[in-house]
């Protein structure tokens, strides 16, 4: 299947009859997906996506199912836009998806800074709006529903597997084990979660969030998972603003959401290590070991090893996820303060 923008745009007209495409440009294609922005005669722009692997197709199908679960009534409760699936059509062994295209610019983690104080609050409020949606949104669509107990067990499994590699420094294992064994952290009510929030999922304009994309992991789960990416920022005051805005908008008594978010973010390194181990990829394993060493250097500067919500300095990673071998590969966390993609 050709990846020429106009060829894909022409195919899109079979998925959505009546489309009058007057211009088409690449819109972030990579080895896994061909993505085209197609401008229509009426001035609107749609996005045309052609997955180029089985994993990418599964992600696109999950994204479409999640967007279908977000009905008009549900979307009306969100302070930002969400894509709409306009049509699909078979394309060889894949499927071509035509979606509405979000406005605004792609957010970078570095945008959450003192230079844009309004944006920090807007990000926290946007995430809270997702968490405040009724869980029936996911339940009615048959999307995954994980209890607090099940979510904790999943992290315990990751911890056990990472520990078995012998590559995780003992102080980090003690730190993670203490958090996993602290019953207070796990007394929370699961909520509707985006499930794969990273800075590039946000579209921003004028210092506020105007859209959120990438809904393939929509489910009922731990709200802390959606906040974890913020803890990769070195702008601690701005991160505080985002967490405060999230808490104020929700008004629920989840006092340890930041501690769990930190645990999620740190265990992303463990997942990256396990990904490299499972693939037998020494470069990924070495990369993960280096990140663990960097994290340990910061943890060692703390007087205690417990994950504390007020000690953002202990983080040495961003939550920005980059899909490498295939779209379902675990995220590769990067050093704190670095620019995200």
Protein backbone atom coordinates (compact mmCIF):
# COMPACT_ATOMS: atom_id res chain seq x y z
CA UNK A 1 0.00 0.00 0.00
CA UNK A 2 1.45 3.34 -1.06
CA UNK A 3 2.03 5.91 1.67
CA UNK A 4 1.77 8.89 -0.69
CA UNK A 5 -0.42 11.45 1.14
CA UNK A 6 -2.73 11.94 -1.83
CA UNK A 7 -3.07 8.19 -2.36
CA UNK A 8 -4.16 7.71 1.25
CA UNK A 9 -6.46 10.73 0.99
CA UNK A 10 -8.08 9.25 -2.10
CA UNK A 11 -8.63 5.97 -0.26
CA UNK A 12 -10.17 7.95 2.60
CA UNK A 13 -12.98 9.05 0.29
CA UNK A 14 -14.14 5.44 0.09
CA UNK A 15 -14.35 5.38 3.90
CA UNK A 16 -16.16 8.72 4.08
CA UNK A 17 -18.01 9.39 0.83
CA UNK A 18 -18.21 13.07 -0.04
CA UNK A 19 -14.79 14.06 1.26
CA UNK A 20 -13.38 16.72 -1.05
CA UNK A 21 -9.63 16.71 -0.41
CA UNK A 22 -7.73 19.69 -1.80
CA UNK A 23 -4.38 19.21 -0.05
CA UNK A 24 -2.58 16.47 1.88
CA UNK A 25 0.62 16.44 3.90
CA UNK A 26 2.41 13.99 6.16
CA UNK A 27 1.24 14.33 9.76
CA UNK A 28 3.76 12.42 11.85
CA UNK A 29 4.20 9.11 10.03
CA UNK A 30 6.70 6.60 11.39
CA UNK A 31 7.69 3.00 10.75
CA UNK A 32 4.47 1.78 12.38
CA UNK A 33 1.86 4.14 10.92
CA UNK A 34 1.32 6.33 7.90
CA UNK A 35 -0.47 9.49 9.07
CA UNK A 36 -1.77 12.19 6.73
CA UNK A 37 -3.46 15.53 7.34
CA UNK A 38 -5.99 16.03 4.55
CA UNK A 39 -7.41 19.52 4.05
CA UNK A 40 -10.95 19.61 2.69
CA UNK A 41 -12.58 22.10 0.36
CA UNK A 42 -14.66 23.50 3.22
CA UNK A 43 -11.51 24.40 5.15
CA UNK A 44 -11.70 21.54 7.65
CA UNK A 45 -8.82 19.10 8.11
CA UNK A 46 -9.16 15.39 8.78
CA UNK A 47 -6.54 12.85 9.79
CA UNK A 48 -5.99 9.68 7.79
CA UNK A 49 -4.19 6.84 9.58
CA UNK A 50 -2.93 3.60 8.03
CA UNK A 51 -1.36 1.14 10.55
CA UNK A 52 1.63 -0.69 9.07
CA UNK A 53 2.00 -3.57 11.56
CA UNK A 54 -0.26 -5.94 13.44
CA UNK A 55 0.50 -4.20 16.73
CA UNK A 56 -0.20 -0.76 15.24
CA UNK A 57 -3.49 -2.02 13.82
CA UNK A 58 -4.53 -3.40 17.21
CA UNK A 59 -3.72 -0.05 18.82
CA UNK A 60 -5.72 1.83 16.18
CA UNK A 61 -8.68 -0.51 16.62
CA UNK A 62 -8.57 -0.04 20.41
CA UNK A 63 -8.40 3.72 19.88
CA UNK A 64 -11.48 3.59 17.66
CA UNK A 65 -13.40 1.49 20.21
CA UNK A 66 -12.54 3.95 22.98
CA UNK A 67 -13.60 6.93 20.89
CA UNK A 68 -16.89 5.15 20.22
CA UNK A 69 -17.41 4.81 23.98
CA UNK A 70 -16.99 8.57 24.36
CA UNK A 71 -20.48 9.56 23.31
CA UNK A 72 -21.60 13.12 22.59
CA UNK A 73 -23.10 13.34 26.08
CA UNK A 74 -19.81 12.20 27.60
CA UNK A 75 -17.73 14.56 25.48
CA UNK A 76 -19.91 17.48 26.54
CA UNK A 77 -18.52 17.03 30.06
CA UNK A 78 -14.93 17.43 28.93
CA UNK A 79 -13.26 20.87 28.71
CA UNK A 80 -11.31 19.81 25.61
CA UNK A 81 -11.87 18.14 22.25
CA UNK A 82 -11.52 14.43 21.49
CA UNK A 83 -11.15 12.93 17.99
CA UNK A 84 -14.11 11.35 16.24
CA UNK A 85 -13.89 8.35 13.93
CA UNK A 86 -15.45 9.50 10.66
CA UNK A 87 -15.04 6.24 8.80
CA UNK A 88 -12.91 3.16 8.13
CA UNK A 89 -12.12 1.04 5.11
CA UNK A 90 -10.12 -2.13 4.54
CA UNK A 91 -6.68 -1.57 3.05
CA UNK A 92 -5.03 -4.88 2.23
CA UNK A 93 -4.23 -6.59 5.52
CA UNK A 94 -4.74 -3.35 7.41
CA UNK A 95 -7.54 -0.85 7.94
CA UNK A 96 -7.49 2.82 7.08
CA UNK A 97 -9.02 5.16 9.68
CA UNK A 98 -10.36 8.64 8.99
CA UNK A 99 -10.68 10.83 12.06
CA UNK A 100 -11.36 14.42 12.91
CA UNK A 101 -8.07 16.23 13.53
CA UNK A 102 -7.49 18.04 16.80
CA UNK A 103 -6.45 21.67 16.77
CA UNK A 104 -3.70 23.26 18.81
CA UNK A 105 -0.04 22.36 19.05
CA UNK A 106 1.45 19.14 20.42
CA UNK A 107 2.53 19.72 24.02
CA UNK A 108 6.06 19.03 25.24
CA UNK A 109 6.79 18.19 28.85
CA UNK A 110 9.00 21.28 28.96
CA UNK A 111 5.92 23.41 28.29
CA UNK A 112 4.80 22.70 31.86
CA UNK A 113 6.96 25.43 33.37
CA UNK A 114 6.84 28.79 35.16
CA UNK A 115 6.76 30.42 31.72
CA UNK A 116 3.21 29.09 31.23
CA UNK A 117 1.60 28.95 34.69
CA UNK A 118 -1.92 28.65 33.25
CA UNK A 119 -0.98 25.52 31.34
CA UNK A 120 0.01 23.58 34.46
CA UNK A 121 -3.41 24.15 35.99
CA UNK A 122 -5.16 23.38 32.70
CA UNK A 123 -3.35 20.04 32.41
CA UNK A 124 -4.35 19.07 35.94
CA UNK A 125 -7.95 20.11 35.32
CA UNK A 126 -8.10 18.23 32.01
CA UNK A 127 -6.86 15.01 33.61
CA UNK A 128 -9.34 15.44 36.48
CA UNK A 129 -12.17 15.85 33.95
CA UNK A 130 -11.38 12.39 32.57
CA UNK A 131 -11.29 10.90 36.07
CA UNK A 132 -14.63 12.50 36.92
CA UNK A 133 -16.45 10.82 34.05
CA UNK A 134 -18.74 7.95 35.10
CA UNK A 135 -17.07 4.55 35.05
CA UNK A 136 -20.08 3.29 33.10
CA UNK A 137 -18.42 4.84 30.02
CA UNK A 138 -15.90 1.99 30.05
CA UNK A 139 -18.16 -0.65 31.55
CA UNK A 140 -20.89 -0.17 28.94
CA UNK A 141 -18.34 -0.50 26.14
CA UNK A 142 -16.75 -3.63 27.59
CA UNK A 143 -13.42 -1.89 28.20
CA UNK A 144 -11.02 -3.19 30.89
CA UNK A 145 -11.93 -2.70 34.55
CA UNK A 146 -9.20 -3.25 37.14
CA UNK A 147 -9.74 -3.14 40.90
CA UNK A 148 -7.23 -1.51 43.24
CA UNK A 149 -6.20 -5.00 44.38
CA UNK A 150 -5.61 -6.19 40.82
CA UNK A 151 -3.68 -3.05 39.91
CA UNK A 152 -1.46 -3.48 42.94
CA UNK A 153 -0.83 -7.11 42.03
CA UNK A 154 0.22 -6.13 38.51
CA UNK A 155 2.85 -3.80 39.94
CA UNK A 156 3.96 -6.51 42.36
CA UNK A 157 4.42 -8.86 39.42
CA UNK A 158 6.54 -6.25 37.63
CA UNK A 159 8.56 -5.77 40.81
CA UNK A 160 9.15 -9.52 41.23
CA UNK A 161 10.24 -9.96 37.61
CA UNK A 162 12.56 -6.95 37.78
CA UNK A 163 14.07 -8.20 41.04
CA UNK A 164 14.74 -11.60 39.47
CA UNK A 165 16.98 -10.04 36.81
CA UNK A 166 19.53 -9.03 39.45
CA UNK A 167 19.99 -5.73 37.63
CA UNK A 168 18.01 -3.46 39.98
CA UNK A 169 20.04 -1.87 42.83
CA UNK A 170 18.98 -3.11 46.26
CA UNK A 171 18.01 0.37 47.58
CA UNK A 172 15.53 0.77 44.71
CA UNK A 173 14.04 -2.66 45.37
CA UNK A 174 13.63 -1.71 49.04
CA UNK A 175 12.04 1.59 48.03
CA UNK A 176 9.55 -0.05 45.68
CA UNK A 177 8.78 -2.90 48.04
CA UNK A 178 8.00 -0.46 50.86
CA UNK A 179 5.52 1.39 48.64
CA UNK A 180 3.91 -1.80 47.36
CA UNK A 181 3.49 -3.10 50.89
CA UNK A 182 2.04 0.15 52.27
CA UNK A 183 -1.69 -0.59 52.42
CA UNK A 184 -2.50 3.10 52.73
CA UNK A 185 -1.37 3.77 49.16
CA UNK A 186 -3.81 1.26 47.74
CA UNK A 187 -6.99 2.45 49.43
CA UNK A 188 -8.32 4.33 46.44
CA UNK A 189 -11.36 4.14 44.21
CA UNK A 190 -10.57 3.21 40.58
CA UNK A 191 -11.73 5.79 38.04
CA UNK A 192 -12.06 6.15 34.31
CA UNK A 193 -8.51 6.70 33.07
CA UNK A 194 -6.96 7.59 29.73
CA UNK A 195 -4.37 4.92 30.43
CA UNK A 196 -1.48 6.18 28.29
CA UNK A 197 -1.18 9.89 29.01
CA UNK A 198 2.09 11.43 27.90
CA UNK A 199 2.85 15.03 26.99
CA UNK A 200 2.39 14.49 23.20
CA UNK A 201 -1.20 13.34 23.76
CA UNK A 202 -2.14 16.91 24.73
CA UNK A 203 -2.98 19.66 22.25
CA UNK A 204 -2.53 23.13 23.66
CA UNK A 205 -3.34 26.65 22.58
CA UNK A 206 -3.21 29.93 24.44
CA UNK A 207 -1.89 28.34 27.62
CA UNK A 208 -4.63 25.75 27.95
CA UNK A 209 -5.44 22.21 26.90
CA UNK A 210 -7.74 22.18 23.86
CA UNK A 211 -7.58 18.49 22.95
CA UNK A 212 -6.36 15.07 24.06
CA UNK A 213 -5.54 12.18 21.73
CA UNK A 214 -4.34 8.57 22.03
CA UNK A 215 -7.29 6.89 23.79
CA UNK A 216 -6.39 3.27 23.00
CA UNK A 217 -5.87 2.36 26.69
CA UNK A 218 -9.13 3.85 28.01
CA UNK A 219 -10.24 1.78 31.01
CA UNK A 220 -11.18 1.83 34.66
CA UNK A 221 -7.98 1.95 36.64
CA UNK A 222 -5.63 3.94 38.85
CA UNK A 223 -5.85 7.74 38.35
CA UNK A 224 -2.20 7.95 39.39
CA UNK A 225 -1.20 6.26 36.13
CA UNK A 226 -2.41 9.30 34.16
CA UNK A 227 -0.41 11.68 36.36
CA UNK A 228 2.87 9.77 36.32
CA UNK A 229 4.31 11.49 33.25
CA UNK A 230 4.30 14.85 35.06
CA UNK A 231 6.92 13.59 37.51
CA UNK A 232 9.55 13.53 34.77
CA UNK A 233 9.62 17.33 34.83
CA UNK A 234 12.31 19.18 36.75
CA UNK A 235 9.94 22.15 37.17
CA UNK A 236 8.67 21.01 40.57
CA UNK A 237 6.58 24.12 41.24
CA UNK A 238 4.71 23.72 37.96
CA UNK A 239 4.17 20.02 38.64
CA UNK A 240 2.77 20.97 42.06
CA UNK A 241 0.32 23.31 40.32
CA UNK A 242 -0.87 20.53 38.03
CA UNK A 243 -1.36 18.10 40.92
CA UNK A 244 -3.11 20.77 43.01
CA UNK A 245 -5.45 21.62 40.14
CA UNK A 246 -6.24 17.93 39.67
CA UNK A 247 -7.00 17.47 43.37
CA UNK A 248 -9.14 20.61 43.55
CA UNK A 249 -11.16 19.62 40.50
CA UNK A 250 -11.81 16.12 41.80
CA UNK A 251 -12.34 16.79 45.48
CA UNK A 252 -11.82 13.14 46.39
CA UNK A 253 -9.75 11.93 49.31
CA UNK A 254 -6.98 10.12 47.41
CA UNK A 255 -4.18 11.47 49.59
CA UNK A 256 -1.52 9.19 48.15
CA UNK A 257 -2.14 9.64 44.45
CA UNK A 258 1.24 11.31 43.95
CA UNK A 259 3.08 8.53 45.73
CA UNK A 260 1.48 5.97 43.45
CA UNK A 261 2.21 8.16 40.43
CA UNK A 262 5.88 8.21 41.41
CA UNK A 263 5.88 4.45 41.81
CA UNK A 264 4.28 4.00 38.38
CA UNK A 265 6.87 6.30 36.81
CA UNK A 266 9.82 4.58 38.47
CA UNK A 267 8.54 1.11 37.59
CA UNK A 268 8.43 2.24 33.97
CA UNK A 269 12.22 1.83 34.09
CA UNK A 270 11.73 -1.71 35.39
CA UNK A 271 9.35 -2.41 32.51
CA UNK A 272 11.94 -1.10 30.07
CA UNK A 273 14.54 -3.38 31.64
CA UNK A 274 12.20 -6.36 31.33
CA UNK A 275 11.43 -5.48 27.71
CA UNK A 276 15.13 -5.56 26.91
CA UNK A 277 15.59 -8.79 28.85
CA UNK A 278 12.66 -10.49 27.12
CA UNK A 279 13.94 -9.43 23.69
CA UNK A 280 17.52 -10.34 24.49
CA UNK A 281 18.49 -6.78 23.51
CA UNK A 282 21.64 -5.85 25.41
CA UNK A 283 21.43 -2.20 24.34
CA UNK A 284 18.01 -1.78 25.97
CA UNK A 285 19.16 -3.61 29.10
CA UNK A 286 22.24 -1.38 29.38
CA UNK A 287 20.09 1.69 28.79
CA UNK A 288 17.73 0.67 31.58
CA UNK A 289 20.63 -0.08 33.93
CA UNK A 290 21.99 3.40 33.32
CA UNK A 291 18.62 4.93 34.11
CA UNK A 292 18.34 2.88 37.29
CA UNK A 293 21.77 4.11 38.35
CA UNK A 294 20.68 7.69 37.73
CA UNK A 295 17.52 7.18 39.76
CA UNK A 296 19.50 5.61 42.59
CA UNK A 297 21.87 8.59 42.69
CA UNK A 298 18.94 10.85 43.45
CA UNK A 299 17.28 8.46 45.89
CA UNK A 300 20.56 8.21 47.78
CA UNK A 301 20.44 11.95 48.43
CA UNK A 302 17.18 11.53 50.36
CA UNK A 303 17.31 10.80 54.09
CA UNK A 304 14.84 7.93 53.69
CA UNK A 305 13.99 5.36 51.05
CA UNK A 306 10.19 5.57 51.18
CA UNK A 307 8.50 7.25 48.24
CA UNK A 308 7.22 10.55 49.63
CA UNK A 309 4.83 12.78 47.70
CA UNK A 310 6.69 15.97 48.55
CA UNK A 311 10.05 14.72 47.29
CA UNK A 312 9.79 15.14 43.54
CA UNK A 313 13.59 15.52 43.46
CA UNK A 314 13.92 11.75 43.78
CA UNK A 315 12.71 11.29 40.21
CA UNK A 316 15.25 10.83 37.46
CA UNK A 317 13.04 10.11 34.50
CA UNK A 318 10.27 11.44 32.39
CA UNK A 319 7.05 9.58 31.75
CA UNK A 320 7.32 10.31 28.05
CA UNK A 321 6.82 7.05 26.22
CA UNK A 322 8.50 6.30 22.91
CA UNK A 323 7.40 3.27 20.94
CA UNK A 324 10.51 1.61 19.51
CA UNK A 325 10.30 -1.94 18.19
CA UNK A 326 6.52 -1.90 17.89
CA UNK A 327 3.69 0.34 19.17
CA UNK A 328 2.99 -2.00 22.08
CA UNK A 329 6.56 -1.90 23.37
CA UNK A 330 6.95 -0.55 26.89
CA UNK A 331 7.93 3.08 27.26
CA UNK A 332 11.53 4.17 27.35
CA UNK A 333 11.77 6.69 30.20
CA UNK A 334 14.39 9.39 29.72
CA UNK A 335 16.34 11.58 32.12
CA UNK A 336 14.50 14.32 33.97
CA UNK A 337 14.46 17.69 32.37
CA UNK A 338 15.20 16.47 28.87
CA UNK A 339 13.01 17.52 25.99
CA UNK A 340 10.26 15.07 25.11
CA UNK A 341 9.29 14.26 21.61
